[in-house]
Amino acid sequence: MDNGANLFELDTQKWVKRVSFYKKSLGVKLGTAKIRNVMDMNAYLGGLAAAAVSDPVWVMNVVPAQKPLTLGVIYDRGLIGVYHDW
C-alpha cells in the first residue's frame, strides 16, 4: 500500500513524462502566443502545473467537486486552483 508521499511522487513523475511528450507532440513551445494558458480540468494533485512550472505558461488547476478534495495539496505546492461542479 502506498503512503501519501509515494502517491505524490508517482503523480509528479507521471506528469513530467506527459508534459515532455506533449511538448514534443505539439511542436510548439509552451508560453508562446499559441499556448500560454492551460486549464487542467481534472487536476487531482496539480501534477501538470508542477511539471510545467519551468515553462512560461499559466496553469489553472480545476478539481471536480465529486472527486477527492485535493485543492489543499495544490495550494501547498504554491499553485492556484478551484473546485468546480459541472
N, C-alpha and C. Protein backbone atom coordinates (compact mmCIF):
# COMPACT_ATOMS: atom_id res chain seq x y z
N MET A 1 0.85 -1.20 0.00
CA MET A 1 0.00 0.00 0.00
C MET A 1 0.88 1.25 0.00
N ASP A 2 0.58 2.18 -0.88
CA ASP A 2 1.37 3.41 -0.99
C ASP A 2 0.97 4.40 0.07
N ASN A 3 1.96 5.07 0.64
CA ASN A 3 1.63 6.17 1.54
C ASN A 3 1.45 7.43 0.71
N GLY A 4 1.05 8.51 1.34
CA GLY A 4 0.78 9.76 0.63
C GLY A 4 1.98 10.29 -0.13
N ALA A 5 3.18 10.18 0.44
CA ALA A 5 4.38 10.69 -0.22
C ALA A 5 4.67 9.91 -1.51
N ASN A 6 4.48 8.59 -1.48
CA ASN A 6 4.70 7.79 -2.69
C ASN A 6 3.70 8.14 -3.77
N LEU A 7 2.45 8.31 -3.40
CA LEU A 7 1.40 8.68 -4.35
C LEU A 7 1.73 10.03 -4.99
N PHE A 8 2.15 10.96 -4.17
CA PHE A 8 2.51 12.30 -4.64
C PHE A 8 3.67 12.23 -5.62
N GLU A 9 4.70 11.47 -5.29
CA GLU A 9 5.88 11.33 -6.16
C GLU A 9 5.53 10.64 -7.47
N LEU A 10 4.71 9.59 -7.42
CA LEU A 10 4.30 8.90 -8.64
C LEU A 10 3.50 9.82 -9.56
N ASP A 11 2.62 10.64 -8.99
CA ASP A 11 1.84 11.58 -9.78
C ASP A 11 2.76 12.61 -10.45
N THR A 12 3.73 13.10 -9.71
CA THR A 12 4.67 14.08 -10.26
C THR A 12 5.47 13.48 -11.41
N GLN A 13 5.99 12.27 -11.23
CA GLN A 13 6.78 11.62 -12.28
C GLN A 13 5.93 11.38 -13.53
N LYS A 14 4.68 10.96 -13.33
CA LYS A 14 3.78 10.72 -14.46
C LYS A 14 3.59 12.00 -15.27
N TRP A 15 3.39 13.13 -14.59
CA TRP A 15 3.12 14.37 -15.31
C TRP A 15 4.36 14.96 -15.95
N VAL A 16 5.53 14.75 -15.38
CA VAL A 16 6.77 15.21 -16.03
C VAL A 16 6.92 14.50 -17.38
N LYS A 17 6.65 13.19 -17.41
CA LYS A 17 6.72 12.44 -18.68
C LYS A 17 5.66 12.91 -19.66
N ARG A 18 4.45 13.13 -19.18
CA ARG A 18 3.36 13.55 -20.06
C ARG A 18 3.62 14.94 -20.65
N VAL A 19 4.06 15.87 -19.83
CA VAL A 19 4.32 17.23 -20.33
C VAL A 19 5.44 17.20 -21.37
N SER A 20 6.46 16.40 -21.12
CA SER A 20 7.54 16.27 -22.10
C SER A 20 7.00 15.72 -23.42
N PHE A 21 6.13 14.71 -23.34
CA PHE A 21 5.52 14.14 -24.54
C PHE A 21 4.67 15.18 -25.27
N TYR A 22 3.86 15.92 -24.52
CA TYR A 22 3.00 16.94 -25.13
C TYR A 22 3.83 18.01 -25.84
N LYS A 23 4.91 18.44 -25.22
CA LYS A 23 5.76 19.46 -25.84
C LYS A 23 6.31 18.98 -27.18
N LYS A 24 6.79 17.74 -27.21
CA LYS A 24 7.34 17.17 -28.45
C LYS A 24 6.24 16.97 -29.49
N SER A 25 5.09 16.46 -29.06
CA SER A 25 3.99 16.15 -29.98
C SER A 25 3.39 17.41 -30.60
N LEU A 26 3.23 18.44 -29.80
CA LEU A 26 2.62 19.68 -30.29
C LEU A 26 3.54 20.44 -31.21
N GLY A 27 4.84 20.30 -31.02
CA GLY A 27 5.78 21.04 -31.84
C GLY A 27 5.73 22.54 -31.59
N VAL A 28 5.19 22.94 -30.44
CA VAL A 28 5.06 24.35 -30.09
C VAL A 28 5.61 24.53 -28.68
N LYS A 29 6.29 25.63 -28.47
CA LYS A 29 6.80 25.91 -27.13
C LYS A 29 5.68 26.44 -26.24
N LEU A 30 5.63 25.93 -25.03
CA LEU A 30 4.68 26.45 -24.06
C LEU A 30 5.10 27.88 -23.70
N GLY A 31 4.13 28.74 -23.54
CA GLY A 31 4.41 30.12 -23.21
C GLY A 31 4.46 31.04 -24.40
N THR A 32 4.21 30.51 -25.58
CA THR A 32 4.16 31.35 -26.78
C THR A 32 2.74 31.89 -26.93
N ALA A 33 2.54 32.69 -27.95
CA ALA A 33 1.20 33.23 -28.19
C ALA A 33 0.18 32.13 -28.46
N LYS A 34 0.64 30.98 -28.96
CA LYS A 34 -0.28 29.88 -29.26
C LYS A 34 -0.70 29.13 -28.00
N ILE A 35 0.21 28.92 -27.07
CA ILE A 35 -0.10 28.18 -25.84
C ILE A 35 0.52 28.91 -24.66
N ARG A 36 -0.29 29.75 -24.03
CA ARG A 36 0.21 30.48 -22.85
C ARG A 36 -0.66 30.26 -21.62
N ASN A 37 -1.86 29.73 -21.82
CA ASN A 37 -2.77 29.41 -20.71
C ASN A 37 -3.25 27.98 -20.87
N VAL A 38 -3.23 27.24 -19.78
CA VAL A 38 -3.67 25.85 -19.79
C VAL A 38 -4.62 25.66 -18.62
N MET A 39 -5.69 24.91 -18.85
CA MET A 39 -6.61 24.59 -17.77
C MET A 39 -6.63 23.08 -17.59
N ASP A 40 -6.25 22.62 -16.42
CA ASP A 40 -6.29 21.20 -16.09
C ASP A 40 -7.63 20.95 -15.40
N MET A 41 -8.56 20.36 -16.14
CA MET A 41 -9.94 20.21 -15.66
C MET A 41 -10.13 19.03 -14.71
N ASN A 42 -9.08 18.26 -14.45
CA ASN A 42 -9.14 17.15 -13.50
C ASN A 42 -7.81 17.11 -12.76
N ALA A 43 -7.50 18.16 -12.04
CA ALA A 43 -6.15 18.43 -11.55
C ALA A 43 -5.62 17.42 -10.53
N TYR A 44 -6.44 16.84 -9.71
CA TYR A 44 -6.05 15.89 -8.67
C TYR A 44 -4.98 16.48 -7.75
N LEU A 45 -3.70 16.28 -8.02
CA LEU A 45 -2.64 16.80 -7.15
C LEU A 45 -1.87 17.97 -7.77
N GLY A 46 -2.30 18.46 -8.92
CA GLY A 46 -1.62 19.58 -9.56
C GLY A 46 -0.37 19.19 -10.31
N GLY A 47 -0.26 17.93 -10.69
CA GLY A 47 0.94 17.42 -11.35
C GLY A 47 1.26 18.09 -12.67
N LEU A 48 0.25 18.37 -13.48
CA LEU A 48 0.50 19.03 -14.76
C LEU A 48 1.12 20.40 -14.53
N ALA A 49 0.56 21.17 -13.63
CA ALA A 49 1.09 22.51 -13.35
C ALA A 49 2.50 22.44 -12.78
N ALA A 50 2.74 21.49 -11.90
CA ALA A 50 4.08 21.35 -11.31
C ALA A 50 5.10 20.95 -12.37
N ALA A 51 4.70 20.09 -13.30
CA ALA A 51 5.62 19.65 -14.35
C ALA A 51 5.92 20.77 -15.35
N ALA A 52 5.02 21.72 -15.47
CA ALA A 52 5.21 22.83 -16.42
C ALA A 52 5.69 24.10 -15.72
N VAL A 53 6.09 24.01 -14.47
CA VAL A 53 6.45 25.20 -13.70
C VAL A 53 7.64 25.96 -14.29
N SER A 54 8.54 25.27 -15.00
CA SER A 54 9.69 25.96 -15.58
C SER A 54 9.36 26.63 -16.92
N ASP A 55 8.18 26.37 -17.43
CA ASP A 55 7.76 26.99 -18.69
C ASP A 55 6.97 28.27 -18.40
N PRO A 56 7.06 29.25 -19.29
CA PRO A 56 6.31 30.49 -19.09
C PRO A 56 4.84 30.33 -19.49
N VAL A 57 4.13 29.48 -18.75
CA VAL A 57 2.73 29.20 -19.04
C VAL A 57 1.95 29.27 -17.73
N TRP A 58 0.72 29.72 -17.83
CA TRP A 58 -0.16 29.84 -16.67
C TRP A 58 -1.08 28.63 -16.66
N VAL A 59 -1.12 27.91 -15.54
CA VAL A 59 -1.97 26.72 -15.43
C VAL A 59 -3.00 26.93 -14.32
N MET A 60 -4.26 26.77 -14.67
CA MET A 60 -5.34 26.80 -13.68
C MET A 60 -5.74 25.36 -13.39
N ASN A 61 -5.61 24.97 -12.14
CA ASN A 61 -5.98 23.63 -11.70
C ASN A 61 -7.44 23.63 -11.28
N VAL A 62 -8.23 22.74 -11.86
CA VAL A 62 -9.64 22.61 -11.51
C VAL A 62 -9.85 21.22 -10.92
N VAL A 63 -10.35 21.16 -9.70
CA VAL A 63 -10.63 19.90 -9.04
C VAL A 63 -12.13 19.68 -9.06
N PRO A 64 -12.61 18.61 -9.71
CA PRO A 64 -14.04 18.34 -9.72
C PRO A 64 -14.55 18.10 -8.29
N ALA A 65 -15.68 18.67 -7.98
CA ALA A 65 -16.23 18.57 -6.62
C ALA A 65 -16.60 17.14 -6.24
N GLN A 66 -16.83 16.27 -7.21
CA GLN A 66 -17.19 14.88 -6.91
C GLN A 66 -15.97 13.96 -6.77
N LYS A 67 -14.79 14.48 -7.00
CA LYS A 67 -13.55 13.71 -6.86
C LYS A 67 -12.95 13.98 -5.49
N PRO A 68 -11.86 13.30 -5.14
CA PRO A 68 -11.19 13.61 -3.86
C PRO A 68 -10.86 15.11 -3.78
N LEU A 69 -11.13 15.71 -2.67
CA LEU A 69 -10.95 17.16 -2.49
C LEU A 69 -9.49 17.46 -2.18
N THR A 70 -8.72 17.64 -3.22
CA THR A 70 -7.26 17.77 -3.11
C THR A 70 -6.74 19.18 -3.33
N LEU A 71 -7.61 20.16 -3.32
CA LEU A 71 -7.18 21.53 -3.60
C LEU A 71 -6.15 22.02 -2.58
N GLY A 72 -6.24 21.57 -1.34
CA GLY A 72 -5.26 21.94 -0.33
C GLY A 72 -3.85 21.52 -0.71
N VAL A 73 -3.71 20.35 -1.32
CA VAL A 73 -2.39 19.88 -1.78
C VAL A 73 -1.87 20.79 -2.88
N ILE A 74 -2.75 21.18 -3.77
CA ILE A 74 -2.37 22.07 -4.87
C ILE A 74 -1.89 23.41 -4.31
N TYR A 75 -2.60 23.95 -3.33
CA TYR A 75 -2.18 25.20 -2.70
C TYR A 75 -0.85 25.03 -1.98
N ASP A 76 -0.66 23.88 -1.31
CA ASP A 76 0.61 23.63 -0.61
C ASP A 76 1.80 23.59 -1.57
N ARG A 77 1.55 23.26 -2.82
CA ARG A 77 2.61 23.25 -3.83
C ARG A 77 2.88 24.65 -4.37
N GLY A 78 2.13 25.64 -3.93
CA GLY A 78 2.32 27.00 -4.41
C GLY A 78 1.60 27.27 -5.72
N LEU A 79 0.63 26.44 -6.05
CA LEU A 79 -0.11 26.56 -7.30
C LEU A 79 -1.50 27.13 -7.02
N ILE A 80 -2.22 27.47 -8.07
CA ILE A 80 -3.57 28.00 -7.92
C ILE A 80 -4.57 26.98 -8.41
N GLY A 81 -5.80 27.12 -7.94
CA GLY A 81 -6.83 26.20 -8.40
C GLY A 81 -8.18 26.51 -7.77
N VAL A 82 -9.18 25.80 -8.27
CA VAL A 82 -10.56 25.96 -7.79
C VAL A 82 -11.24 24.60 -7.79
N TYR A 83 -12.31 24.50 -7.00
CA TYR A 83 -13.23 23.37 -7.11
C TYR A 83 -14.30 23.78 -8.12
N HIS A 84 -14.81 22.81 -8.84
CA HIS A 84 -15.89 23.12 -9.78
C HIS A 84 -16.83 21.93 -9.85
N ASP A 85 -18.10 22.20 -9.92
CA ASP A 85 -19.11 21.17 -10.04
C ASP A 85 -19.87 21.40 -11.33
N TRP A 86 -19.52 20.70 -12.38
CA TRP A 86 -20.19 20.88 -13.65
C TRP A 86 -21.36 19.99 -13.71
